[in-house]
C-alpha atoms as a PDB file:
ATOM      1  CA  MET A   1      44.591  87.337  -8.856  1.00  0.00           C
ATOM      2  CA  ALA A   2      41.720  89.321  -7.360  1.00  0.00           C
ATOM      3  CA  ARG A   3      40.401  88.193  -3.919  1.00  0.00           C
ATOM      4  CA  LEU A   4      37.109  86.303  -4.279  1.00  0.00           C
ATOM      5  CA  PRO A   5      34.290  87.698  -2.085  1.00  0.00           C
ATOM      6  CA  LEU A   6      33.135  85.749   0.993  1.00  0.00           C
ATOM      7  CA  PRO A   7      30.004  83.698   0.140  1.00  0.00           C
ATOM      8  CA  ALA A   8      27.216  83.904   2.629  1.00  0.00           C
ATOM      9  CA  GLU A   9      27.434  81.418   5.473  1.00  0.00           C
ATOM     10  CA  ARG A  10      25.934  78.042   4.689  1.00  0.00           C
ATOM     11  CA  PRO A  11      24.207  75.664   6.942  1.00  0.00           C
ATOM     12  CA  SER A  12      26.322  73.239   8.744  1.00  0.00           C
ATOM     13  CA  LEU A  13      25.893  69.588   7.891  1.00  0.00           C
ATOM     14  CA  GLY A  14      26.585  68.498  11.530  1.00  0.00           C
ATOM     15  CA  PRO A  15      28.115  69.758  14.694  1.00  0.00           C
ATOM     16  CA  MET A  16      31.551  71.572  14.114  1.00  0.00           C
ATOM     17  CA  LYS A  17      34.524  70.074  15.894  1.00  0.00           C
ATOM     18  CA  PRO A  18      36.418  72.585  17.936  1.00  0.00           C
ATOM     19  CA  LEU A  19      39.653  73.811  16.499  1.00  0.00           C
ATOM     20  CA  GLY A  20      41.769  72.426  19.358  1.00  0.00           C
ATOM     21  CA  SER A  21      40.455  68.812  18.231  1.00  0.00           C
ATOM     22  CA  ALA A  22      42.619  68.943  15.168  1.00  0.00           C
ATOM     23  CA  VAL A  23      46.457  68.616  14.861  1.00  0.00           C
ATOM     24  CA  THR A  24      47.768  70.070  11.614  1.00  0.00           C
ATOM     25  CA  THR A  25      51.164  69.209  10.136  1.00  0.00           C
ATOM     26  CA  PHE A  26      53.077  70.465   7.005  1.00  0.00           C
ATOM     27  CA  LEU A  27      55.719  68.418   5.276  1.00  0.00           C
ATOM     28  CA  VAL A  28      57.539  68.723   1.978  1.00  0.00           C
ATOM     29  CA  ASN A  29      58.151  65.012   0.979  1.00  0.00           C
ATOM     30  CA  ALA A  30      61.023  63.456  -0.824  1.00  0.00           C
ATOM     31  CA  HIS A  31      59.437  64.338  -4.286  1.00  0.00           C
ATOM     32  CA  GLY A  32      59.018  67.998  -3.229  1.00  0.00           C
ATOM     33  CA  GLN A  33      55.284  67.868  -2.854  1.00  0.00           C
ATOM     34  CA  LEU A  34      53.645  69.573   0.006  1.00  0.00           C
ATOM     35  CA  GLU A  35      51.714  67.279   2.387  1.00  0.00           C
ATOM     36  CA  LEU A  36      49.243  68.932   4.624  1.00  0.00           C
ATOM     37  CA  THR A  37      47.575  66.538   7.010  1.00  0.00           C
ATOM     38  CA  ILE A  38      44.829  67.491   9.547  1.00  0.00           C
ATOM     39  CA  ARG A  39      44.039  64.830  11.938  1.00  0.00           C
ATOM     40  CA  HIS A  40      40.638  65.304  13.517  1.00  0.00           C
ATOM     41  CA  ASP A  41      38.717  63.648  16.244  1.00  0.00           C
ATOM     42  CA  VAL A  42      36.657  60.563  14.986  1.00  0.00           C
ATOM     43  CA  LEU A  43      33.821  61.481  12.631  1.00  0.00           C
ATOM     44  CA  ARG A  44      31.251  59.098  13.965  1.00  0.00           C
ATOM     45  CA  GLY A  45      29.179  57.516  11.306  1.00  0.00           C
ATOM     46  CA  VAL A  46      31.474  58.383   8.361  1.00  0.00           C
ATOM     47  CA  THR A  47      32.714  55.328   6.478  1.00  0.00           C
ATOM     48  CA  PRO A  48      35.665  55.134   4.106  1.00  0.00           C
ATOM     49  CA  ALA A  49      33.360  54.677   1.279  1.00  0.00           C
ATOM     50  CA  MET A  50      31.522  57.928   2.203  1.00  0.00           C
ATOM     51  CA  LEU A  51      34.867  59.757   2.258  1.00  0.00           C
ATOM     52  CA  VAL A  52      35.755  58.281  -1.295  1.00  0.00           C
ATOM     53  CA  ASP A  53      32.312  59.384  -2.609  1.00  0.00           C
ATOM     54  CA  TRP A  54      32.688  62.869  -1.104  1.00  0.00           C
ATOM     55  CA  PHE A  55      36.149  63.453  -2.669  1.00  0.00           C
ATOM     56  CA  GLU A  56      35.146  61.789  -6.072  1.00  0.00           C
ATOM     57  CA  ASN A  57      32.371  64.236  -6.309  1.00  0.00           C
ATOM     58  CA  LEU A  58      33.801  67.160  -4.579  1.00  0.00           C
ATOM     59  CA  GLY A  59      33.415  69.454  -7.635  1.00  0.00           C
ATOM     60  CA  GLY A  60      29.636  68.733  -7.864  1.00  0.00           C
ATOM     61  CA  SER A  61      26.715  70.054  -6.116  1.00  0.00           C
ATOM     62  CA  MET A  62      24.208  68.738  -3.660  1.00  0.00           C
ATOM     63  CA  ALA A  63      20.881  69.521  -1.970  1.00  0.00           C
ATOM     64  CA  HIS A  64      20.566  70.505   1.636  1.00  0.00           C
ATOM     65  CA  ASP A  65      17.281  71.442   3.159  1.00  0.00           C
ATOM     66  CA  GLY A  66      15.917  71.833  -0.361  1.00  0.00           C
ATOM     67  CA  VAL A  67      18.597  74.395  -1.559  1.00  0.00           C
ATOM     68  CA  ILE A  68      21.487  73.376  -3.916  1.00  0.00           C
ATOM     69  CA  TYR A  69      24.996  74.293  -2.883  1.00  0.00           C
ATOM     70  CA  PRO A  70      28.351  73.698  -4.482  1.00  0.00           C
ATOM     71  CA  ARG A  71      29.519  70.579  -2.487  1.00  0.00           C
ATOM     72  CA  TYR A  72      32.836  72.176  -1.345  1.00  0.00           C
ATOM     73  CA  LEU A  73      30.986  75.154   0.216  1.00  0.00           C
ATOM     74  CA  LEU A  74      29.103  72.857   2.463  1.00  0.00           C
ATOM     75  CA  TRP A  75      32.211  71.069   3.795  1.00  0.00           C
ATOM     76  CA  HIS A  76      32.607  74.101   6.040  1.00  0.00           C
ATOM     77  CA  PRO A  77      29.860  76.679   6.470  1.00  0.00           C
ATOM     78  CA  ARG A  78      32.062  79.718   6.761  1.00  0.00           C
ATOM     79  CA  ASP A  79      35.733  79.063   5.737  1.00  0.00           C
ATOM     80  CA  HIS A  80      35.435  77.590   2.216  1.00  0.00           C
ATOM     81  CA  ILE A  81      35.241  80.152  -0.600  1.00  0.00           C
ATOM     82  CA  HIS A  82      36.093  78.304  -3.794  1.00  0.00           C
ATOM     83  CA  TRP A  83      37.248  74.887  -5.237  1.00  0.00           C
ATOM     84  CA  GLU A  84      38.258  73.925  -8.690  1.00  0.00           C
ATOM     85  CA  LEU A  85      40.046  70.966 -10.259  1.00  0.00           C
ATOM     86  CA  ALA A  86      43.257  72.394 -11.674  1.00  0.00           C
ATOM     87  CA  LYS A  87      44.618  69.117 -13.079  1.00  0.00           C
ATOM     88  CA  ARG A  88      42.745  65.786 -13.325  1.00  0.00           C
ATOM     89  CA  ALA A  89      44.339  62.728 -11.860  1.00  0.00           C
ATOM     90  CA  PRO A  90      46.227  60.420 -14.046  1.00  0.00           C
ATOM     91  CA  GLY A  91      43.144  57.981 -14.032  1.00  0.00           C
ATOM     92  CA  GLY A  92      40.758  61.018 -14.435  1.00  0.00           C
ATOM     93  CA  GLY A  93      38.831  63.111 -11.890  1.00  0.00           C
ATOM     94  CA  THR A  94      39.802  64.024  -8.423  1.00  0.00           C
ATOM     95  CA  GLY A  95      41.714  60.887  -7.515  1.00  0.00           C
ATOM     96  CA  GLN A  96      45.247  60.591  -6.226  1.00  0.00           C
ATOM     97  CA  GLY A  97      47.514  62.871  -8.321  1.00  0.00           C
ATOM     98  CA  ALA A  98      44.887  65.483  -8.966  1.00  0.00           C
ATOM     99  CA  TYR A  99      45.577  69.047  -8.333  1.00  0.00           C
ATOM    100  CA  PHE A 100      42.887  71.178  -6.777  1.00  0.00           C
ATOM    101  CA  ARG A 101      42.838  75.194  -6.434  1.00  0.00           C
ATOM    102  CA  ILE A 102      41.180  76.053  -3.255  1.00  0.00           C
ATOM    103  CA  VAL A 103      40.323  79.350  -1.741  1.00  0.00           C
ATOM    104  CA  GLU A 104      39.628  79.497   2.052  1.00  0.00           C
ATOM    105  CA  ALA A 105      39.243  82.357   4.721  1.00  0.00           C
ATOM    106  CA  PHE A 106      40.056  80.729   8.031  1.00  0.00           C
ATOM    107  CA  GLY A 107      37.723  81.957  10.774  1.00  0.00           C
ATOM    108  CA  ALA A 108      35.809  83.647   7.732  1.00  0.00           C
ATOM    109  CA  ASN A 109      38.683  86.165   7.620  1.00  0.00           C
ATOM    110  CA  PRO A 110      39.691  87.007   4.128  1.00  0.00           C
ATOM    111  CA  ASP A 111      43.262  87.925   5.389  1.00  0.00           C
ATOM    112  CA  TYR A 112      43.693  84.199   6.248  1.00  0.00           C
END
């Protein structure tokens, strides 16, 4: 697959957490599934209902400062390149059991 170009940097929806504020773990569970966990500092003002809404609508777009963006690209202003739903959840949409295809460039570096 060809490498996707880095999109222009987007505005940040809020202050960015420092990298050191997150702990990342990788695990292959008993079913052979990869579990990636990123534990961040508390996101003040973000409720569980807001997170459910975010993920249920991740493939959509949203307006920010009068400009329409793919929602996934606003999640991180530099590192996120592309998101698509590869397989719907058993109940439909992006819920538990769905498969996503994501492309990221950590630190806006396409080598990562």
